[in-house]
Amino acid sequence: MSRTINRVELLGRVGTDPELRKTQNGTAVVQLRLATDRRSRDRSGENQTDWHTVVCWDKQAEAVAQYVQKGERVYIAGRLNQHTWETDSGERRSRTEVHAHEVIFLGSSNGNGNGSRPTDGDQPF
């Protein structure tokens, strides 16, 4: 079987306000940090937080920058993207990002959120 799948789904809380940037050719891009919780495997039963770097592009990036704030819950569907580079001192570094193709704004848990607005590359956001 030659088919492969690279799909990630996350439901979590935004850790920082998204900041809209433009690439050199003018494409909108937003990067945000998303926190997800999981139960610890030890007997404490406490949750542990995993942090994910999420990248959104074009109109989706503009919508995320406009409507999403720190602390709000979002659903993200996308794919993993691995970056590897070498520092000036010759050290190899890598970072894994989630490149979103779907974002659903779930708002805040206190009822003051912005509601549910799905975005993808085809929507006018």
Protein backbone atom coordinates (compact mmCIF):
# COMPACT_ATOMS: atom_id res chain seq x y z
CA MET A 1 0.00 0.00 0.00
CA SER A 2 1.56 3.28 -1.08
CA ARG A 3 -0.89 5.66 0.60
CA THR A 4 0.30 7.62 3.63
CA ILE A 5 -1.51 9.96 5.99
CA ASN A 6 -0.23 13.06 7.77
CA ARG A 7 -3.17 14.41 9.78
CA VAL A 8 -3.31 16.04 13.21
CA GLU A 9 -6.36 17.11 15.22
CA LEU A 10 -6.01 19.23 18.35
CA LEU A 11 -8.53 20.74 20.74
CA GLY A 12 -6.92 23.12 23.17
CA ARG A 13 -6.43 26.58 24.56
CA VAL A 14 -4.46 29.36 22.85
CA GLY A 15 -1.40 30.38 24.91
CA THR A 16 -0.55 33.72 23.27
CA ASP A 17 -2.41 36.27 21.17
CA PRO A 18 -1.81 35.43 17.50
CA GLU A 19 0.29 37.99 15.65
CA LEU A 20 -0.26 38.51 11.93
CA ARG A 21 2.88 38.76 9.78
CA LYS A 22 3.51 38.85 6.06
CA THR A 23 6.07 36.81 4.14
CA GLN A 24 8.42 38.52 1.69
CA ASN A 25 5.92 37.90 -1.10
CA GLY A 26 3.03 39.33 0.97
CA THR A 27 1.36 36.10 2.13
CA ALA A 28 -0.35 36.41 5.53
CA VAL A 29 0.91 34.02 8.21
CA VAL A 30 0.02 33.55 11.88
CA GLN A 31 1.83 31.39 14.39
CA LEU A 32 0.26 30.53 17.72
CA ARG A 33 0.93 28.23 20.66
CA LEU A 34 -1.79 25.77 21.60
CA ALA A 35 -1.93 23.96 24.95
CA THR A 36 -3.48 20.51 25.28
CA ASP A 37 -3.72 18.56 28.53
CA ARG A 38 -3.18 14.87 29.18
CA ARG A 39 -3.32 12.80 32.31
CA SER A 40 -0.04 11.94 33.96
CA ARG A 41 0.91 8.26 33.98
CA ASP A 42 2.08 8.41 37.56
CA ARG A 43 -0.24 7.99 40.53
CA SER A 44 -0.70 11.73 41.06
CA GLY A 45 -3.44 11.89 38.44
CA GLU A 46 -2.45 15.47 37.63
CA ASN A 47 -2.73 16.78 34.10
CA GLN A 48 0.37 17.59 32.09
CA THR A 49 0.33 20.28 29.42
CA ASP A 50 1.75 19.78 25.94
CA TRP A 51 2.48 22.88 23.83
CA HIS A 52 2.05 22.81 20.05
CA THR A 53 3.15 25.37 17.49
CA VAL A 54 0.37 25.98 14.95
CA VAL A 55 0.84 27.90 11.68
CA CYS A 56 -2.04 29.34 9.62
CA TRP A 57 -1.74 30.89 6.16
CA ASP A 58 -3.51 33.40 3.90
CA LYS A 59 -7.13 34.36 4.71
CA GLN A 60 -7.27 31.79 7.48
CA ALA A 61 -4.32 33.55 9.14
CA GLU A 62 -6.10 36.88 8.88
CA ALA A 63 -9.25 35.43 10.50
CA VAL A 64 -7.28 33.83 13.33
CA ALA A 65 -5.44 37.10 13.99
CA GLN A 66 -8.72 39.01 14.05
CA TYR A 67 -10.91 36.66 16.11
CA VAL A 68 -8.69 34.49 18.35
CA GLN A 69 -7.25 35.68 21.67
CA LYS A 70 -5.10 34.15 24.37
CA GLY A 71 -7.05 31.74 26.55
CA GLU A 72 -9.70 30.85 23.99
CA ARG A 73 -10.43 27.28 22.95
CA VAL A 74 -9.92 26.24 19.34
CA TYR A 75 -10.09 23.07 17.28
CA ILE A 76 -7.26 22.65 14.78
CA ALA A 77 -6.98 20.10 11.97
CA GLY A 78 -3.86 20.04 9.85
CA ARG A 79 -0.64 18.25 9.09
CA LEU A 80 2.73 17.94 10.79
CA ASN A 81 5.60 19.83 9.23
CA GLN A 82 9.20 19.25 10.38
CA HIS A 83 11.78 22.06 10.06
CA THR A 84 15.48 21.31 10.40
CA TRP A 85 18.22 23.94 10.28
CA GLU A 86 21.76 24.63 11.37
CA THR A 87 22.66 27.45 13.75
CA ASP A 88 25.55 29.83 13.14
CA SER A 89 27.63 27.70 15.53
CA GLY A 90 26.95 24.57 13.44
CA GLU A 91 24.43 22.99 15.81
CA ARG A 92 21.53 21.16 14.14
CA ARG A 93 18.08 22.14 15.37
CA SER A 94 14.61 20.95 14.48
CA ARG A 95 11.06 21.93 15.23
CA THR A 96 7.72 20.31 14.53
CA GLU A 97 4.77 22.51 13.59
CA VAL A 98 1.14 21.86 12.81
CA HIS A 99 0.16 23.56 9.55
CA ALA A 100 -3.59 24.13 9.94
CA HIS A 101 -6.07 23.61 7.15
CA GLU A 102 -9.11 23.93 9.43
CA VAL A 103 -9.63 26.12 12.49
CA ILE A 104 -12.85 26.27 14.50
CA PHE A 105 -13.12 29.05 17.08
CA LEU A 106 -14.83 27.74 20.21
CA GLY A 107 -14.52 30.91 22.27
CA SER A 108 -13.73 31.18 25.94
CA SER A 109 -15.10 28.97 28.69
CA ASN A 110 -16.59 31.96 30.54
CA GLY A 111 -19.20 32.65 27.86
CA ASN A 112 -17.50 35.82 26.59
CA GLY A 113 -15.95 34.09 23.61
CA ASN A 114 -16.54 34.92 19.99
CA GLY A 115 -18.67 31.85 19.24
CA SER A 116 -17.97 29.18 16.68
CA ARG A 117 -16.63 30.30 13.32
CA PRO A 118 -14.95 27.64 11.16
CA THR A 119 -12.28 28.75 8.73
CA ASP A 120 -10.43 27.04 5.96
CA GLY A 121 -8.64 28.13 2.84
CA ASP A 122 -11.91 28.42 0.89
CA GLN A 123 -13.77 30.72 3.27
CA PRO A 124 -13.85 34.50 2.89
CA PHE A 125 -12.26 35.08 6.32
